[in-house]
Each structure stands twice: as structure tokens, then as C-alpha cells.
């Protein structure tokens, strides 16, 4: 059996520094679930209320989460590639 090697590429390493901004997404149902989120709260591409802007760039990129169990990993799509965020802290959100 051959194991597939997974390479993690971080956004700040690949492109540069960034800022996070709050841009709410519509919620659905009585549980107020985000797009991509199951009724249990899990999912592989959950749309978050955050967007990311790289320094010197005007484009906002939606931040997604992959969540199973009690932890989530956050990432964006940049030029068709998945780039991961090293940290996701309330202190880093500008607006």
C-alpha cells in the first residue's frame, strides 16, 4: 500500500503578509448553518464570515474551513491552489 504525501503550503509563505476582514455570509435554516456546514457543524468546505487581503492587493479572498471533531483548519483559494492559514485569531480581524 502506497501512502499519498500531502504538502501544506501556507498563504503567508507563498504570497506574503495579509489582513483578515469580516464579510458575513447568509446563514440557512433554524440552526443558522454556514454554506457547506452540515447539521452537526462539520464539513470539508465551510464558508466563513472572513475574507483575506494580501498586502498591496485589492482582491478579497473568502476564507474557508475544514472542520471535523473539535478543530478546524482555515484556507483560501489563490490562483487555483489551496493555501492554508497558520493562525486564525480574533485579534487579527481588522473589520
PDB file of N, CA and C in Angstrom:
ATOM      1  N   UNK A   1       0.840  -1.175   0.000  1.00  0.00           N
ATOM      2  CA  UNK A   1       0.000   0.000   0.000  1.00  0.00           C
ATOM      3  C   UNK A   1       0.886   1.239   0.000  1.00  0.00           C
ATOM      4  N   UNK A   2       0.597   2.143  -0.898  1.00  0.00           N
ATOM      5  CA  UNK A   2       1.373   3.370  -1.026  1.00  0.00           C
ATOM      6  C   UNK A   2       0.633   4.532  -0.371  1.00  0.00           C
ATOM      7  N   UNK A   3       1.341   5.297   0.444  1.00  0.00           N
ATOM      8  CA  UNK A   3       0.748   6.462   1.079  1.00  0.00           C
ATOM      9  C   UNK A   3       0.952   7.691   0.213  1.00  0.00           C
ATOM     10  N   UNK A   4      -0.081   8.514   0.130  1.00  0.00           N
ATOM     11  CA  UNK A   4      -0.005   9.746  -0.639  1.00  0.00           C
ATOM     12  C   UNK A   4       0.595  10.838   0.247  1.00  0.00           C
ATOM     13  N   UNK A   5       1.604  11.522  -0.250  1.00  0.00           N
ATOM     14  CA  UNK A   5       2.220  12.597   0.501  1.00  0.00           C
ATOM     15  C   UNK A   5       1.411  13.880   0.319  1.00  0.00           C
ATOM     16  N   UNK A   6       1.130  14.531   1.421  1.00  0.00           N
ATOM     17  CA  UNK A   6       0.364  15.771   1.398  1.00  0.00           C
ATOM     18  C   UNK A   6       1.317  16.927   1.672  1.00  0.00           C
ATOM     19  N   UNK A   7       1.277  17.931   0.819  1.00  0.00           N
ATOM     20  CA  UNK A   7       2.107  19.109   1.010  1.00  0.00           C
ATOM     21  C   UNK A   7       1.218  20.272   1.433  1.00  0.00           C
ATOM     22  N   UNK A   8       1.575  20.881   2.557  1.00  0.00           N
ATOM     23  CA  UNK A   8       0.841  22.039   3.055  1.00  0.00           C
ATOM     24  C   UNK A   8       1.610  23.287   2.644  1.00  0.00           C
ATOM     25  N   UNK A   9       0.921  24.202   1.956  1.00  0.00           N
ATOM     26  CA  UNK A   9       1.522  25.477   1.564  1.00  0.00           C
ATOM     27  C   UNK A   9       0.762  26.578   2.293  1.00  0.00           C
ATOM     28  N   UNK A  10       1.499  27.371   3.072  1.00  0.00           N
ATOM     29  CA  UNK A  10       0.876  28.439   3.845  1.00  0.00           C
ATOM     30  C   UNK A  10       0.796  29.725   3.036  1.00  0.00           C
ATOM     31  N   UNK A  11      -0.301  30.466   3.220  1.00  0.00           N
ATOM     32  CA  UNK A  11      -0.564  31.678   2.446  1.00  0.00           C
ATOM     33  C   UNK A  11       0.536  32.718   2.617  1.00  0.00           C
ATOM     34  N   UNK A  12       0.963  32.956   3.848  1.00  0.00           N
ATOM     35  CA  UNK A  12       1.972  33.998   4.056  1.00  0.00           C
ATOM     36  C   UNK A  12       3.338  33.601   3.511  1.00  0.00           C
ATOM     37  N   UNK A  13       3.643  32.312   3.470  1.00  0.00           N
ATOM     38  CA  UNK A  13       4.900  31.849   2.884  1.00  0.00           C
ATOM     39  C   UNK A  13       4.868  31.928   1.361  1.00  0.00           C
ATOM     40  N   UNK A  14       3.724  31.613   0.766  1.00  0.00           N
ATOM     41  CA  UNK A  14       3.615  31.556  -0.696  1.00  0.00           C
ATOM     42  C   UNK A  14       3.429  32.926  -1.332  1.00  0.00           C
ATOM     43  N   UNK A  15       2.673  33.810  -0.678  1.00  0.00           N
ATOM     44  CA  UNK A  15       2.327  35.089  -1.295  1.00  0.00           C
ATOM     45  C   UNK A  15       2.839  36.275  -0.480  1.00  0.00           C
ATOM     46  N   UNK A  16       2.695  36.238   0.815  1.00  0.00           N
ATOM     47  CA  UNK A  16       3.134  37.338   1.667  1.00  0.00           C
ATOM     48  C   UNK A  16       2.141  37.625   2.772  1.00  0.00           C
ATOM     49  N   UNK A  17       2.370  38.717   3.484  1.00  0.00           N
ATOM     50  CA  UNK A  17       1.522  39.052   4.629  1.00  0.00           C
ATOM     51  C   UNK A  17       0.117  39.421   4.165  1.00  0.00           C
ATOM     52  N   UNK A  18      -0.818  39.268   5.082  1.00  0.00           N
ATOM     53  CA  UNK A  18      -2.219  39.514   4.756  1.00  0.00           C
ATOM     54  C   UNK A  18      -2.962  40.079   5.954  1.00  0.00           C
ATOM     55  N   UNK A  19      -4.162  40.582   5.697  1.00  0.00           N
ATOM     56  CA  UNK A  19      -5.071  41.020   6.749  1.00  0.00           C
ATOM     57  C   UNK A  19      -6.388  40.275   6.584  1.00  0.00           C
ATOM     58  N   UNK A  20      -7.107  40.112   7.683  1.00  0.00           N
ATOM     59  CA  UNK A  20      -8.409  39.456   7.676  1.00  0.00           C
ATOM     60  C   UNK A  20      -9.492  40.501   7.919  1.00  0.00           C
ATOM     61  N   UNK A  21     -10.621  40.335   7.223  1.00  0.00           N
ATOM     62  CA  UNK A  21     -11.740  41.262   7.332  1.00  0.00           C
ATOM     63  C   UNK A  21     -13.035  40.460   7.438  1.00  0.00           C
ATOM     64  N   UNK A  22     -13.997  41.007   8.172  1.00  0.00           N
ATOM     65  CA  UNK A  22     -15.274  40.317   8.370  1.00  0.00           C
ATOM     66  C   UNK A  22     -16.254  40.702   7.256  1.00  0.00           C
ATOM     67  N   UNK A  23     -16.755  39.699   6.537  1.00  0.00           N
ATOM     68  CA  UNK A  23     -17.769  39.872   5.496  1.00  0.00           C
ATOM     69  C   UNK A  23     -18.781  38.737   5.667  1.00  0.00           C
ATOM     70  N   UNK A  24     -19.828  38.962   6.455  1.00  0.00           N
ATOM     71  CA  UNK A  24     -20.784  37.893   6.784  1.00  0.00           C
ATOM     72  C   UNK A  24     -21.407  37.232   5.550  1.00  0.00           C
ATOM     73  N   UNK A  25     -21.670  35.952   5.673  1.00  0.00           N
ATOM     74  CA  UNK A  25     -22.351  35.190   4.626  1.00  0.00           C
ATOM     75  C   UNK A  25     -23.754  34.838   5.118  1.00  0.00           C
ATOM     76  N   UNK A  26     -24.697  34.662   4.198  1.00  0.00           N
ATOM     77  CA  UNK A  26     -26.063  34.280   4.591  1.00  0.00           C
ATOM     78  C   UNK A  26     -26.064  32.901   5.271  1.00  0.00           C
ATOM     79  N   UNK A  27     -26.840  32.777   6.318  1.00  0.00           N
ATOM     80  CA  UNK A  27     -26.996  31.511   7.043  1.00  0.00           C
ATOM     81  C   UNK A  27     -28.310  30.881   6.632  1.00  0.00           C
ATOM     82  N   UNK A  28     -28.432  29.575   6.860  1.00  0.00           N
ATOM     83  CA  UNK A  28     -29.653  28.902   6.451  1.00  0.00           C
ATOM     84  C   UNK A  28     -30.253  28.079   7.586  1.00  0.00           C
ATOM     85  N   UNK A  29     -31.558  28.018   7.567  1.00  0.00           N
ATOM     86  CA  UNK A  29     -32.294  27.160   8.498  1.00  0.00           C
ATOM     87  C   UNK A  29     -32.331  27.657   9.934  1.00  0.00           C
ATOM     88  N   UNK A  30     -33.032  26.898  10.730  1.00  0.00           N
ATOM     89  CA  UNK A  30     -33.201  27.246  12.144  1.00  0.00           C
ATOM     90  C   UNK A  30     -31.872  27.172  12.899  1.00  0.00           C
ATOM     91  N   UNK A  31     -30.936  26.339  12.421  1.00  0.00           N
ATOM     92  CA  UNK A  31     -29.631  26.220  13.069  1.00  0.00           C
ATOM     93  C   UNK A  31     -28.651  27.296  12.626  1.00  0.00           C
ATOM     94  N   UNK A  32     -29.062  28.115  11.631  1.00  0.00           N
ATOM     95  CA  UNK A  32     -28.209  29.185  11.111  1.00  0.00           C
ATOM     96  C   UNK A  32     -26.853  28.654  10.660  1.00  0.00           C
ATOM     97  N   UNK A  33     -26.889  27.645   9.793  1.00  0.00           N
ATOM     98  CA  UNK A  33     -25.672  27.000   9.301  1.00  0.00           C
ATOM     99  C   UNK A  33     -25.043  27.808   8.173  1.00  0.00           C
ATOM    100  N   UNK A  34     -23.742  27.824   8.143  1.00  0.00           N
ATOM    101  CA  UNK A  34     -22.997  28.472   7.062  1.00  0.00           C
ATOM    102  C   UNK A  34     -23.024  27.563   5.834  1.00  0.00           C
ATOM    103  N   UNK A  35     -22.847  28.133   4.632  1.00  0.00           N
ATOM    104  CA  UNK A  35     -22.771  27.292   3.434  1.00  0.00           C
ATOM    105  C   UNK A  35     -21.656  26.245   3.576  1.00  0.00           C
ATOM    106  N   UNK A  36     -21.991  25.002   3.272  1.00  0.00           N
ATOM    107  CA  UNK A  36     -21.021  23.913   3.366  1.00  0.00           C
ATOM    108  C   UNK A  36     -20.978  23.225   4.716  1.00  0.00           C
ATOM    109  N   UNK A  37     -21.745  23.721   5.668  1.00  0.00           N
ATOM    110  CA  UNK A  37     -21.732  23.171   7.027  1.00  0.00           C
ATOM    111  C   UNK A  37     -22.885  22.198   7.210  1.00  0.00           C
ATOM    112  N   UNK A  38     -22.593  21.017   7.737  1.00  0.00           N
ATOM    113  CA  UNK A  38     -23.649  20.032   7.984  1.00  0.00           C
ATOM    114  C   UNK A  38     -24.401  20.388   9.260  1.00  0.00           C
ATOM    115  N   UNK A  39     -25.495  19.701   9.508  1.00  0.00           N
ATOM    116  CA  UNK A  39     -26.283  19.951  10.710  1.00  0.00           C
ATOM    117  C   UNK A  39     -25.479  19.680  11.978  1.00  0.00           C
ATOM    118  N   UNK A  40     -24.467  18.823  11.873  1.00  0.00           N
ATOM    119  CA  UNK A  40     -23.601  18.528  13.016  1.00  0.00           C
ATOM    120  C   UNK A  40     -22.524  19.599  13.204  1.00  0.00           C
ATOM    121  N   UNK A  41     -22.385  20.493  12.217  1.00  0.00           N
ATOM    122  CA  UNK A  41     -21.397  21.560  12.312  1.00  0.00           C
ATOM    123  C   UNK A  41     -20.107  21.287  11.580  1.00  0.00           C
ATOM    124  N   UNK A  42     -20.012  20.137  10.924  1.00  0.00           N
ATOM    125  CA  UNK A  42     -18.779  19.747  10.252  1.00  0.00           C
ATOM    126  C   UNK A  42     -18.869  19.965   8.747  1.00  0.00           C
ATOM    127  N   UNK A  43     -17.710  19.895   8.082  1.00  0.00           N
ATOM    128  CA  UNK A  43     -17.693  19.989   6.636  1.00  0.00           C
ATOM    129  C   UNK A  43     -16.286  20.137   6.092  1.00  0.00           C
ATOM    130  N   UNK A  44     -16.138  19.879   4.798  1.00  0.00           N
ATOM    131  CA  UNK A  44     -14.824  19.993   4.166  1.00  0.00           C
ATOM    132  C   UNK A  44     -14.589  21.357   3.543  1.00  0.00           C
ATOM    133  N   UNK A  45     -15.659  22.115   3.231  1.00  0.00           N
ATOM    134  CA  UNK A  45     -15.517  23.455   2.671  1.00  0.00           C
ATOM    135  C   UNK A  45     -16.633  24.344   3.231  1.00  0.00           C
ATOM    136  N   UNK A  46     -16.438  24.755   4.483  1.00  0.00           N
ATOM    137  CA  UNK A  46     -17.403  25.614   5.151  1.00  0.00           C
ATOM    138  C   UNK A  46     -17.029  27.067   4.865  1.00  0.00           C
ATOM    139  N   UNK A  47     -17.957  27.821   4.340  1.00  0.00           N
ATOM    140  CA  UNK A  47     -17.727  29.232   4.057  1.00  0.00           C
ATOM    141  C   UNK A  47     -17.758  30.014   5.367  1.00  0.00           C
ATOM    142  N   UNK A  48     -16.689  30.744   5.667  1.00  0.00           N
ATOM    143  CA  UNK A  48     -16.639  31.520   6.911  1.00  0.00           C
ATOM    144  C   UNK A  48     -17.056  32.967   6.656  1.00  0.00           C
ATOM    145  N   UNK A  49     -17.169  33.728   7.714  1.00  0.00           N
ATOM    146  CA  UNK A  49     -17.500  35.149   7.622  1.00  0.00           C
ATOM    147  C   UNK A  49     -16.266  36.012   7.364  1.00  0.00           C
ATOM    148  N   UNK A  50     -15.147  35.402   7.053  1.00  0.00           N
ATOM    149  CA  UNK A  50     -13.900  36.146   6.874  1.00  0.00           C
ATOM    150  C   UNK A  50     -13.425  36.141   5.429  1.00  0.00           C
ATOM    151  N   UNK A  51     -12.762  37.237   5.063  1.00  0.00           N
ATOM    152  CA  UNK A  51     -12.043  37.308   3.789  1.00  0.00           C
ATOM    153  C   UNK A  51     -10.611  37.725   4.104  1.00  0.00           C
ATOM    154  N   UNK A  52      -9.722  37.414   3.193  1.00  0.00           N
ATOM    155  CA  UNK A  52      -8.304  37.705   3.348  1.00  0.00           C
ATOM    156  C   UNK A  52      -7.860  38.629   2.231  1.00  0.00           C
ATOM    157  N   UNK A  53      -7.052  39.624   2.570  1.00  0.00           N
ATOM    158  CA  UNK A  53      -6.458  40.512   1.570  1.00  0.00           C
ATOM    159  C   UNK A  53      -4.948  40.507   1.762  1.00  0.00           C
ATOM    160  N   UNK A  54      -4.212  40.180   0.681  1.00  0.00           N
ATOM    161  CA  UNK A  54      -2.760  40.242   0.747  1.00  0.00           C
ATOM    162  C   UNK A  54      -2.317  41.696   0.666  1.00  0.00           C
ATOM    163  N   UNK A  55      -1.202  42.008   1.288  1.00  0.00           N
ATOM    164  CA  UNK A  55      -0.672  43.376   1.264  1.00  0.00           C
ATOM    165  C   UNK A  55      -0.466  43.828  -0.179  1.00  0.00           C
ATOM    166  N   UNK A  56      -0.970  45.026  -0.491  1.00  0.00           N
ATOM    167  CA  UNK A  56      -0.823  45.586  -1.832  1.00  0.00           C
ATOM    168  C   UNK A  56      -1.836  45.076  -2.848  1.00  0.00           C
ATOM    169  N   UNK A  57      -2.744  44.211  -2.433  1.00  0.00           N
ATOM    170  CA  UNK A  57      -3.745  43.635  -3.334  1.00  0.00           C
ATOM    171  C   UNK A  57      -5.123  44.129  -2.916  1.00  0.00           C
ATOM    172  N   UNK A  58      -5.989  44.403  -3.865  1.00  0.00           N
ATOM    173  CA  UNK A  58      -7.349  44.853  -3.544  1.00  0.00           C
ATOM    174  C   UNK A  58      -8.363  43.713  -3.547  1.00  0.00           C
ATOM    175  N   UNK A  59      -7.957  42.548  -4.023  1.00  0.00           N
ATOM    176  CA  UNK A  59      -8.863  41.399  -4.106  1.00  0.00           C
ATOM    177  C   UNK A  59      -9.078  40.776  -2.735  1.00  0.00           C
ATOM    178  N   UNK A  60     -10.344  40.561  -2.397  1.00  0.00           N
ATOM    179  CA  UNK A  60     -10.678  39.851  -1.161  1.00  0.00           C
ATOM    180  C   UNK A  60     -10.925  38.390  -1.500  1.00  0.00           C
ATOM    181  N   UNK A  61     -10.296  37.501  -0.761  1.00  0.00           N
ATOM    182  CA  UNK A  61     -10.454  36.059  -0.973  1.00  0.00           C
ATOM    183  C   UNK A  61     -11.163  35.461   0.231  1.00  0.00           C
ATOM    184  N   UNK A  62     -12.234  34.715  -0.030  1.00  0.00           N
ATOM    185  CA  UNK A  62     -13.021  34.106   1.039  1.00  0.00           C
ATOM    186  C   UNK A  62     -12.182  33.078   1.783  1.00  0.00           C
ATOM    187  N   UNK A  63     -12.304  33.069   3.105  1.00  0.00           N
ATOM    188  CA  UNK A  63     -11.643  32.074   3.950  1.00  0.00           C
ATOM    189  C   UNK A  63     -12.631  30.934   4.174  1.00  0.00           C
ATOM    190  N   UNK A  64     -12.171  29.716   3.931  1.00  0.00           N
ATOM    191  CA  UNK A  64     -12.977  28.514   4.149  1.00  0.00           C
ATOM    192  C   UNK A  64     -12.408  27.726   5.318  1.00  0.00           C
ATOM    193  N   UNK A  65     -13.219  26.842   5.862  1.00  0.00           N
ATOM    194  CA  UNK A  65     -12.776  25.993   6.963  1.00  0.00           C
ATOM    195  C   UNK A  65     -13.083  24.542   6.638  1.00  0.00           C
ATOM    196  N   UNK A  66     -12.192  23.675   7.057  1.00  0.00           N
ATOM    197  CA  UNK A  66     -12.429  22.240   7.044  1.00  0.00           C
ATOM    198  C   UNK A  66     -12.500  21.833   8.503  1.00  0.00           C
ATOM    199  N   UNK A  67     -13.643  21.287   8.916  1.00  0.00           N
ATOM    200  CA  UNK A  67     -13.854  21.017  10.335  1.00  0.00           C
ATOM    201  C   UNK A  67     -14.412  19.615  10.556  1.00  0.00           C
ATOM    202  N   UNK A  68     -13.684  18.863  11.348  1.00  0.00           N
ATOM    203  CA  UNK A  68     -14.140  17.575  11.854  1.00  0.00           C
ATOM    204  C   UNK A  68     -13.706  17.496  13.298  1.00  0.00           C
ATOM    205  N   UNK A  69     -14.537  16.917  14.137  1.00  0.00           N
ATOM    206  CA  UNK A  69     -14.279  16.845  15.560  1.00  0.00           C
ATOM    207  C   UNK A  69     -14.339  18.241  16.154  1.00  0.00           C
ATOM    208  N   UNK A  70     -13.384  18.624  17.000  1.00  0.00           N
ATOM    209  CA  UNK A  70     -13.473  19.927  17.670  1.00  0.00           C
ATOM    210  C   UNK A  70     -12.424  20.920  17.180  1.00  0.00           C
ATOM    211  N   UNK A  71     -11.883  20.711  15.993  1.00  0.00           N
ATOM    212  CA  UNK A  71     -10.873  21.631  15.460  1.00  0.00           C
ATOM    213  C   UNK A  71     -11.127  21.884  13.981  1.00  0.00           C
ATOM    214  N   UNK A  72     -10.754  23.087  13.527  1.00  0.00           N
ATOM    215  CA  UNK A  72     -10.915  23.438  12.120  1.00  0.00           C
ATOM    216  C   UNK A  72      -9.598  23.970  11.567  1.00  0.00           C
ATOM    217  N   UNK A  73      -9.387  23.757  10.286  1.00  0.00           N
ATOM    218  CA  UNK A  73      -8.252  24.331   9.568  1.00  0.00           C
ATOM    219  C   UNK A  73      -8.820  25.317   8.563  1.00  0.00           C
ATOM    220  N   UNK A  74      -8.180  26.475   8.443  1.00  0.00           N
ATOM    221  CA  UNK A  74      -8.683  27.543   7.581  1.00  0.00           C
ATOM    222  C   UNK A  74      -7.781  27.711   6.368  1.00  0.00           C
ATOM    223  N   UNK A  75      -8.413  28.014   5.215  1.00  0.00           N
ATOM    224  CA  UNK A  75      -7.665  28.089   3.964  1.00  0.00           C
ATOM    225  C   UNK A  75      -8.380  28.982   2.964  1.00  0.00           C
ATOM    226  N   UNK A  76      -7.652  29.343   1.908  1.00  0.00           N
ATOM    227  CA  UNK A  76      -8.189  30.133   0.803  1.00  0.00           C
ATOM    228  C   UNK A  76      -7.808  29.459  -0.512  1.00  0.00           C
ATOM    229  N   UNK A  77      -8.412  29.923  -1.587  1.00  0.00           N
ATOM    230  CA  UNK A  77      -8.003  29.513  -2.936  1.00  0.00           C
ATOM    231  C   UNK A  77      -7.324  30.726  -3.574  1.00  0.00           C
ATOM    232  N   UNK A  78      -6.093  30.546  -4.042  1.00  0.00           N
ATOM    233  CA  UNK A  78      -5.328  31.618  -4.683  1.00  0.00           C
ATOM    234  C   UNK A  78      -4.749  31.070  -5.979  1.00  0.00           C
ATOM    235  N   UNK A  79      -5.199  31.606  -7.103  1.00  0.00           N
ATOM    236  CA  UNK A  79      -4.784  31.122  -8.434  1.00  0.00           C
ATOM    237  C   UNK A  79      -4.982  29.609  -8.569  1.00  0.00           C
ATOM    238  N   UNK A  80      -6.119  29.136  -8.086  1.00  0.00           N
ATOM    239  CA  UNK A  80      -6.482  27.733  -8.226  1.00  0.00           C
ATOM    240  C   UNK A  80      -5.819  26.779  -7.246  1.00  0.00           C
ATOM    241  N   UNK A  81      -5.024  27.295  -6.322  1.00  0.00           N
ATOM    242  CA  UNK A  81      -4.338  26.441  -5.347  1.00  0.00           C
ATOM    243  C   UNK A  81      -4.841  26.734  -3.940  1.00  0.00           C
ATOM    244  N   UNK A  82      -4.907  25.682  -3.129  1.00  0.00           N
ATOM    245  CA  UNK A  82      -5.329  25.827  -1.743  1.00  0.00           C
ATOM    246  C   UNK A  82      -4.126  26.273  -0.913  1.00  0.00           C
ATOM    247  N   UNK A  83      -4.284  27.415  -0.219  1.00  0.00           N
ATOM    248  CA  UNK A  83      -3.254  27.920   0.680  1.00  0.00           C
ATOM    249  C   UNK A  83      -3.827  27.976   2.089  1.00  0.00           C
ATOM    250  N   UNK A  84      -3.087  27.449   3.038  1.00  0.00           N
ATOM    251  CA  UNK A  84      -3.559  27.326   4.418  1.00  0.00           C
ATOM    252  C   UNK A  84      -3.152  28.537   5.242  1.00  0.00           C
ATOM    253  N   UNK A  85      -3.951  28.845   6.255  1.00  0.00           N
ATOM    254  CA  UNK A  85      -3.625  29.919   7.194  1.00  0.00           C
ATOM    255  C   UNK A  85      -2.990  29.300   8.435  1.00  0.00           C
ATOM    256  N   UNK A  86      -1.886  29.874   8.875  1.00  0.00           N
ATOM    257  CA  UNK A  86      -1.209  29.341  10.060  1.00  0.00           C
ATOM    258  C   UNK A  86      -1.997  29.621  11.330  1.00  0.00           C
ATOM    259  N   UNK A  87      -2.648  30.754  11.356  1.00  0.00           N
ATOM    260  CA  UNK A  87      -3.398  31.138  12.543  1.00  0.00           C
ATOM    261  C   UNK A  87      -4.690  31.834  12.120  1.00  0.00           C
ATOM    262  N   UNK A  88      -5.640  31.801  13.009  1.00  0.00           N
ATOM    263  CA  UNK A  88      -6.943  32.422  12.760  1.00  0.00           C
ATOM    264  C   UNK A  88      -7.399  32.952  14.116  1.00  0.00           C
ATOM    265  N   UNK A  89      -7.114  34.217  14.372  1.00  0.00           N
ATOM    266  CA  UNK A  89      -7.369  34.775  15.685  1.00  0.00           C
ATOM    267  C   UNK A  89      -8.258  36.009  15.588  1.00  0.00           C
ATOM    268  N   UNK A  90      -9.133  36.189  16.547  1.00  0.00           N
ATOM    269  CA  UNK A  90      -9.986  37.370  16.590  1.00  0.00           C
ATOM    270  C   UNK A  90      -9.150  38.657  16.603  1.00  0.00           C
ATOM    271  N   UNK A  91      -7.973  38.605  17.191  1.00  0.00           N
ATOM    272  CA  UNK A  91      -7.113  39.791  17.280  1.00  0.00           C
ATOM    273  C   UNK A  91      -6.620  40.255  15.925  1.00  0.00           C
ATOM    274  N   UNK A  92      -6.645  39.383  14.932  1.00  0.00           N
ATOM    275  CA  UNK A  92      -6.123  39.704  13.614  1.00  0.00           C
ATOM    276  C   UNK A  92      -7.175  40.299  12.670  1.00  0.00           C
ATOM    277  N   UNK A  93      -8.440  40.280  13.062  1.00  0.00           N
ATOM    278  CA  UNK A  93      -9.518  40.750  12.183  1.00  0.00           C
ATOM    279  C   UNK A  93      -9.629  42.265  12.286  1.00  0.00           C
ATOM    280  N   UNK A  94      -9.513  42.936  11.132  1.00  0.00           N
ATOM    281  CA  UNK A  94      -9.498  44.397  11.130  1.00  0.00           C
ATOM    282  C   UNK A  94     -10.882  45.022  11.161  1.00  0.00           C
ATOM    283  N   UNK A  95     -11.846  44.427  10.485  1.00  0.00           N
ATOM    284  CA  UNK A  95     -13.205  44.967  10.483  1.00  0.00           C
ATOM    285  C   UNK A  95     -14.200  43.893  10.204  1.00  0.00           C
TER     286      UNK A  95
END
